[in-house]
Amino acid sequence: MPKLLLLALLFISLTGFAQTKNVVVAQDGSGNYRTVQAALDAVPLNNRTPTVIFIRKGIYKEKLNLAKKKNFVRLKGEDVNTTILTFDDYNGRTPANGEPLGTSEASTFRVFGNDFSAENITFENTAGTVGQGPAMWVYGDRARFVGCRFLGFRDTLYVYGYGSRQYYKDCYIEGTTDYILGSATAWFEDCTLFCKTGGTVIVAASTPDSIRYGIVMQRCKIGGEAPPESYFIARPWKPAAKTVLLNCELSNIIKPKGWDHWGKESNKQEAFFAEYKSIGPGAAPKARILWSRQLTPQQAAFYTREAVLGNWDPNASVE
């Protein structure tokens, strides 16, 4: 009996691995689908089968949506520079049959499902400076992005979800004002942030007061084409906003004061803005506004990926 039981368990385990579904999106018809949305539509509700969608090179101009309960979807691009998911909606645009779009509705890609992952893909919004236009909007929990690019202007990357945990590794993010924003707990590791001309602030967190961690950046590089001393690191979209930089490299684009209170005095008491060992010409700890914090080694020790993301390891079960 023990041998039979062992064989049965082995069979079940191997069957589980075999259940991963792989599909291909290719504009020339050589894959399973010609559009990314068609592949997303094919994922069943309450999905429990890991689904890998490989996207071949091409510019896919699509308004994309991964619905709630469409979980365990993993997008893999053939090449980050030439696998491009793009659209050009913006806040305030009125579709032919509908109401004016809000910022969320203007997003190129909206992710409602949990356990979403994307690698080697460019997400883009080409609306320009006409209004807020996210390239990516994420509501679901446990969202993972590795080696991706997020291109846009205002509100490029919207880490929307209340209680959502999101992980960004080796990503490139560009934009103007508030080009990273939202209420999620989001960990950025070894990412590059590019400040375009015409912007004023990089991050606009809206962290709920009940959530300990907001936006945390580890070993990220902040630069761009904007003039010297033209950008604040962050401002509090909501009073309890939390943004922390750890071992980041800051160019001279960053204002010496570092942080902005968005014109509301009470935000100085409620927001939590902090740095630990920032380097580069934009790192000016003695010039920072007094209500921001320079963390001690003991305080910084509480900001590990494991502590911020809780019981979720974004690199577990990834090939």
Protein backbone atom coordinates (compact mmCIF):
# COMPACT_ATOMS: atom_id res chain seq x y z
CA MET A 1 0.00 0.00 0.00
CA PRO A 2 2.72 2.55 0.80
CA LYS A 3 4.25 1.97 -2.68
CA LEU A 4 0.89 2.42 -4.38
CA LEU A 5 0.23 5.56 -2.38
CA LEU A 6 3.64 6.95 -3.31
CA LEU A 7 3.04 6.24 -7.00
CA ALA A 8 -0.39 7.84 -6.83
CA LEU A 9 1.03 10.98 -5.23
CA LEU A 10 3.80 11.13 -7.83
CA PHE A 11 1.25 10.79 -10.64
CA ILE A 12 -0.88 13.58 -9.17
CA SER A 13 2.19 15.80 -8.84
CA LEU A 14 3.31 15.21 -12.42
CA THR A 15 -0.21 15.74 -13.70
CA GLY A 16 -0.33 19.08 -11.87
CA PHE A 17 2.82 20.24 -13.61
CA ALA A 18 1.46 19.07 -16.97
CA GLN A 19 -1.65 21.15 -16.52
CA THR A 20 0.11 24.43 -17.30
CA LYS A 21 -1.49 25.80 -20.43
CA ASN A 22 0.70 27.45 -23.08
CA VAL A 23 -0.68 29.60 -25.90
CA VAL A 24 0.90 31.90 -28.47
CA VAL A 25 -0.25 35.30 -29.74
CA ALA A 26 1.08 36.29 -33.18
CA GLN A 27 -0.25 38.94 -35.52
CA ASP A 28 0.64 36.87 -38.59
CA GLY A 29 -1.65 34.02 -37.58
CA SER A 30 1.14 31.58 -36.70
CA GLY A 31 -0.04 31.31 -33.08
CA ASN A 32 -3.25 30.39 -31.30
CA TYR A 33 -4.54 33.97 -31.36
CA ARG A 34 -3.90 37.11 -33.39
CA THR A 35 -4.68 39.54 -30.54
CA VAL A 36 -3.72 39.65 -26.89
CA GLN A 37 -7.30 40.34 -25.81
CA ALA A 38 -8.51 37.17 -27.55
CA ALA A 39 -6.01 35.16 -25.49
CA LEU A 40 -7.13 36.90 -22.28
CA ASP A 41 -10.80 36.29 -23.16
CA ALA A 42 -10.09 32.56 -23.49
CA VAL A 43 -8.96 32.30 -19.84
CA PRO A 44 -11.92 30.88 -17.88
CA LEU A 45 -13.39 32.55 -14.82
CA ASN A 46 -12.16 31.10 -11.51
CA ASN A 47 -9.13 29.85 -13.40
CA ARG A 48 -6.79 27.57 -11.42
CA THR A 49 -4.59 26.43 -14.29
CA PRO A 50 -1.39 28.44 -14.78
CA THR A 51 -1.72 29.96 -18.25
CA VAL A 52 1.37 31.18 -20.09
CA ILE A 53 0.63 33.52 -23.01
CA PHE A 54 3.68 34.00 -25.22
CA ILE A 55 3.42 37.18 -27.29
CA ARG A 56 5.50 37.40 -30.45
CA LYS A 57 7.14 40.61 -31.60
CA GLY A 58 4.80 43.30 -32.85
CA ILE A 59 2.95 46.49 -31.97
CA TYR A 60 -0.44 45.46 -30.62
CA LYS A 61 -2.73 48.47 -30.47
CA GLU A 62 -5.40 47.09 -28.16
CA LYS A 63 -7.49 48.21 -25.20
CA LEU A 64 -6.75 45.32 -22.84
CA ASN A 65 -8.62 43.95 -19.85
CA LEU A 66 -7.97 40.89 -17.68
CA ALA A 67 -11.22 40.37 -15.81
CA LYS A 68 -11.63 39.62 -12.14
CA LYS A 69 -11.37 35.88 -11.32
CA LYS A 70 -9.19 35.30 -14.38
CA ASN A 71 -6.23 34.32 -12.26
CA PHE A 72 -2.78 32.74 -12.79
CA VAL A 73 -2.09 34.41 -16.14
CA ARG A 74 1.53 34.91 -17.17
CA LEU A 75 2.46 37.02 -20.20
CA LYS A 76 5.88 36.52 -21.79
CA GLY A 77 7.07 38.81 -24.56
CA GLU A 78 9.46 37.68 -27.26
CA ASP A 79 11.49 40.88 -26.89
CA VAL A 80 10.87 43.79 -24.53
CA ASN A 81 11.74 46.46 -27.11
CA THR A 82 9.60 45.07 -29.93
CA THR A 83 6.72 43.36 -28.07
CA ILE A 84 4.60 46.45 -27.46
CA LEU A 85 1.05 46.67 -26.06
CA THR A 86 -0.18 50.19 -26.74
CA PHE A 87 -3.22 52.45 -26.79
CA ASP A 88 -3.92 56.19 -26.65
CA ASP A 89 -6.84 56.83 -24.31
CA TYR A 90 -6.75 59.59 -21.70
CA ASN A 91 -8.79 61.04 -18.85
CA GLY A 92 -11.61 63.15 -20.25
CA ARG A 93 -11.80 61.60 -23.70
CA THR A 94 -15.37 60.80 -24.66
CA PRO A 95 -15.81 57.61 -26.70
CA ALA A 96 -18.31 57.64 -29.57
CA ASN A 97 -20.93 55.89 -27.44
CA GLY A 98 -20.29 56.60 -23.79
CA GLU A 99 -19.35 58.93 -20.92
CA PRO A 100 -16.00 60.72 -20.59
CA LEU A 101 -13.27 58.39 -19.43
CA GLY A 102 -11.77 58.58 -15.96
CA THR A 103 -8.08 57.91 -15.37
CA SER A 104 -8.65 54.21 -14.63
CA GLU A 105 -10.81 53.70 -17.71
CA ALA A 106 -8.18 55.42 -19.86
CA SER A 107 -5.60 52.72 -19.11
CA THR A 108 -4.09 50.72 -21.95
CA PHE A 109 -4.19 47.53 -19.83
CA ARG A 110 -6.30 46.85 -16.74
CA VAL A 111 -5.53 43.81 -14.57
CA PHE A 112 -8.27 42.69 -12.19
CA GLY A 113 -7.21 39.05 -11.82
CA ASN A 114 -4.90 37.78 -9.09
CA ASP A 115 -1.49 36.13 -9.56
CA PHE A 116 -0.76 37.97 -12.79
CA SER A 117 2.76 38.05 -14.19
CA ALA A 118 4.44 39.78 -17.14
CA GLU A 119 7.97 39.55 -18.51
CA ASN A 120 9.82 41.24 -21.37
CA ILE A 121 6.89 43.38 -22.53
CA THR A 122 6.46 47.10 -23.20
CA PHE A 123 3.21 48.62 -21.94
CA GLU A 124 2.54 52.00 -23.50
CA ASN A 125 0.09 54.89 -23.55
CA THR A 126 0.69 57.37 -26.38
CA ALA A 127 -1.96 59.97 -25.45
CA GLY A 128 0.80 62.46 -24.66
CA THR A 129 0.24 65.50 -22.47
CA VAL A 130 -3.47 65.89 -23.22
CA GLY A 131 -4.49 64.13 -19.98
CA GLN A 132 -3.76 61.33 -17.54
CA GLY A 133 -3.21 58.11 -19.48
CA PRO A 134 -1.95 55.01 -17.67
CA ALA A 135 -0.09 52.36 -19.62
CA MET A 136 -0.84 49.83 -16.86
CA TRP A 137 -3.45 49.72 -14.10
CA VAL A 138 -3.30 46.90 -11.55
CA TYR A 139 -6.08 45.98 -9.14
CA GLY A 140 -5.36 42.29 -8.48
CA ASP A 141 -3.20 40.86 -5.72
CA ARG A 142 0.25 39.30 -6.24
CA ALA A 143 1.12 41.00 -9.54
CA ARG A 144 4.67 40.45 -10.80
CA PHE A 145 6.52 42.36 -13.54
CA VAL A 146 10.08 41.50 -14.56
CA GLY A 147 12.11 43.19 -17.31
CA CYS A 148 9.14 45.25 -18.54
CA ARG A 149 8.89 48.82 -19.82
CA PHE A 150 6.09 51.26 -18.93
CA LEU A 151 5.94 54.21 -21.30
CA GLY A 152 3.69 57.24 -21.01
CA PHE A 153 3.37 60.73 -19.65
CA ARG A 154 1.11 61.53 -16.69
CA ASP A 155 0.05 58.58 -14.46
CA THR A 156 1.99 55.99 -16.49
CA LEU A 157 1.90 53.19 -13.91
CA TYR A 158 -1.19 53.02 -11.69
CA VAL A 159 -0.67 50.57 -8.81
CA TYR A 160 -4.33 50.89 -8.02
CA GLY A 161 -5.44 48.05 -5.77
CA TYR A 162 -6.27 48.58 -2.10
CA GLY A 163 -4.51 45.71 -0.34
CA SER A 164 -2.87 44.62 -3.60
CA ARG A 165 0.78 43.49 -3.46
CA GLN A 166 2.88 44.19 -6.54
CA TYR A 167 6.49 43.42 -7.49
CA TYR A 168 8.58 45.19 -10.15
CA LYS A 169 12.07 43.90 -10.96
CA ASP A 170 14.49 45.30 -13.56
CA CYS A 171 11.75 47.46 -15.08
CA TYR A 172 11.93 50.81 -16.88
CA ILE A 173 9.25 53.40 -16.06
CA GLU A 174 8.96 56.83 -17.64
CA GLY A 175 6.56 59.74 -17.49
CA THR A 176 5.82 63.24 -16.28
CA THR A 177 3.82 64.22 -13.19
CA ASP A 178 2.76 61.40 -10.83
CA TYR A 179 3.94 58.73 -13.23
CA ILE A 180 3.83 56.12 -10.46
CA LEU A 181 0.69 56.37 -8.33
CA GLY A 182 -1.83 54.42 -6.31
CA SER A 183 -2.78 52.72 -3.06
CA ALA A 184 -1.12 49.30 -3.50
CA THR A 185 1.85 47.96 -1.62
CA ALA A 186 4.42 47.94 -4.42
CA TRP A 187 8.07 46.84 -4.25
CA PHE A 188 10.40 48.19 -6.98
CA GLU A 189 13.78 46.48 -7.24
CA ASP A 190 16.66 47.51 -9.53
CA CYS A 191 14.31 49.59 -11.69
CA THR A 192 15.08 52.66 -13.80
CA LEU A 193 12.84 55.73 -13.52
CA PHE A 194 13.02 58.29 -16.34
CA CYS A 195 11.64 61.78 -15.70
CA LYS A 196 10.42 63.46 -18.86
CA THR A 197 10.48 67.22 -19.39
CA GLY A 198 7.33 68.93 -18.14
CA GLY A 199 6.72 66.92 -14.97
CA THR A 200 7.00 67.89 -11.32
CA VAL A 201 6.65 64.77 -9.12
CA ILE A 202 7.49 61.09 -9.61
CA VAL A 203 5.31 59.27 -7.07
CA ALA A 204 1.78 60.00 -5.80
CA ALA A 205 0.94 57.29 -3.30
CA SER A 206 -2.53 57.01 -1.80
CA THR A 207 -1.70 54.36 0.81
CA PRO A 208 -4.60 53.68 3.22
CA ASP A 209 -3.80 54.48 6.84
CA SER A 210 -4.45 50.82 7.74
CA ILE A 211 -1.65 49.56 5.45
CA ARG A 212 1.90 49.58 6.80
CA TYR A 213 3.81 49.67 3.51
CA GLY A 214 3.11 51.72 0.41
CA ILE A 215 5.61 52.23 -2.42
CA VAL A 216 9.11 50.98 -1.65
CA MET A 217 12.08 51.30 -4.02
CA GLN A 218 15.26 49.27 -3.58
CA ARG A 219 18.42 50.06 -5.59
CA CYS A 220 16.50 52.03 -8.22
CA LYS A 221 18.03 54.68 -10.48
CA ILE A 222 16.22 57.97 -11.02
CA GLY A 223 17.24 60.17 -13.93
CA GLY A 224 15.84 61.45 -17.20
CA GLU A 225 15.77 64.43 -19.54
CA ALA A 226 14.11 66.98 -17.25
CA PRO A 227 16.03 70.08 -16.09
CA PRO A 228 18.05 69.98 -12.86
CA GLU A 229 16.08 70.30 -9.63
CA SER A 230 12.71 70.05 -11.36
CA TYR A 231 11.19 66.94 -9.73
CA PHE A 232 10.07 66.03 -6.23
CA ILE A 233 10.43 62.35 -5.33
CA ALA A 234 6.85 62.07 -4.08
CA ARG A 235 3.78 63.84 -2.78
CA PRO A 236 0.85 62.44 -0.75
CA TRP A 237 -2.19 61.88 -2.92
CA LYS A 238 -3.96 60.73 0.26
CA PRO A 239 -2.90 61.83 3.77
CA ALA A 240 -1.36 58.51 4.91
CA ALA A 241 0.75 58.09 1.77
CA LYS A 242 3.93 56.06 2.24
CA THR A 243 7.00 56.14 -0.03
CA VAL A 244 10.44 54.81 0.96
CA LEU A 245 13.71 54.76 -1.02
CA LEU A 246 16.46 52.31 -0.10
CA ASN A 247 19.95 52.56 -1.58
CA CYS A 248 18.68 54.46 -4.63
CA GLU A 249 20.73 56.57 -7.03
CA LEU A 250 19.28 60.03 -7.67
CA SER A 251 20.35 62.37 -10.46
CA ASN A 252 20.37 66.17 -10.16
CA ILE A 253 16.82 66.19 -11.53
CA ILE A 254 15.62 65.77 -7.92
CA LYS A 255 14.93 68.94 -5.94
CA PRO A 256 17.09 69.30 -2.82
CA LYS A 257 13.97 69.43 -0.64
CA GLY A 258 13.09 66.00 -1.99
CA TRP A 259 9.44 65.73 -1.03
CA ASP A 260 6.26 67.80 -1.41
CA HIS A 261 3.26 68.01 0.93
CA TRP A 262 0.78 68.87 -1.88
CA GLY A 263 -0.24 72.17 -0.28
CA LYS A 264 -1.79 70.65 2.85
CA GLU A 265 -0.06 71.21 6.18
CA SER A 266 -1.62 68.16 7.87
CA ASN A 267 0.02 65.92 5.27
CA LYS A 268 3.35 66.69 6.91
CA GLN A 269 2.22 64.80 10.01
CA GLU A 270 0.36 61.95 8.31
CA ALA A 271 2.49 61.03 5.28
CA PHE A 272 5.57 58.83 5.68
CA PHE A 273 8.37 59.71 3.27
CA ALA A 274 11.83 58.29 3.95
CA GLU A 275 15.22 57.47 2.45
CA TYR A 276 18.08 55.19 3.37
CA LYS A 277 21.54 55.72 1.91
CA SER A 278 20.49 57.57 -1.26
CA ILE A 279 23.46 58.36 -3.50
CA GLY A 280 24.15 60.62 -6.47
CA PRO A 281 23.86 64.38 -7.01
CA GLY A 282 20.15 64.30 -6.14
CA ALA A 283 20.82 62.79 -2.72
CA ALA A 284 20.91 65.75 -0.34
CA PRO A 285 19.97 64.53 3.16
CA LYS A 286 20.88 67.80 4.87
CA ALA A 287 18.72 69.81 2.47
CA ARG A 288 15.62 67.59 2.73
CA ILE A 289 12.43 68.99 4.23
CA LEU A 290 12.39 68.42 7.98
CA TRP A 291 9.26 66.27 8.08
CA SER A 292 10.78 63.59 5.85
CA ARG A 293 13.01 60.91 7.34
CA GLN A 294 16.51 59.57 6.88
CA LEU A 295 16.27 56.00 8.18
CA THR A 296 18.79 54.48 10.55
CA PRO A 297 20.17 51.00 9.75
CA GLN A 298 17.86 49.59 12.42
CA GLN A 299 14.81 51.26 10.87
CA ALA A 300 15.80 50.27 7.33
CA ALA A 301 16.03 46.63 8.44
CA PHE A 302 12.23 46.56 8.59
CA TYR A 303 12.08 47.26 4.84
CA THR A 304 12.89 43.92 3.27
CA ARG A 305 11.04 42.41 0.32
CA GLU A 306 9.79 39.65 2.61
CA ALA A 307 8.44 42.12 5.17
CA VAL A 308 6.79 44.38 2.61
CA LEU A 309 5.14 41.64 0.52
CA GLY A 310 4.22 39.42 3.46
CA ASN A 311 3.67 35.73 2.85
CA TRP A 312 4.00 36.11 -0.94
CA ASP A 313 7.28 35.25 -2.64
CA PRO A 314 7.03 36.72 -6.17
CA ASN A 315 9.77 34.41 -7.45
CA ALA A 316 8.33 31.14 -6.14
CA SER A 317 7.13 28.65 -8.75
CA VAL A 318 8.60 30.73 -11.60
CA GLU A 319 10.54 28.84 -14.26
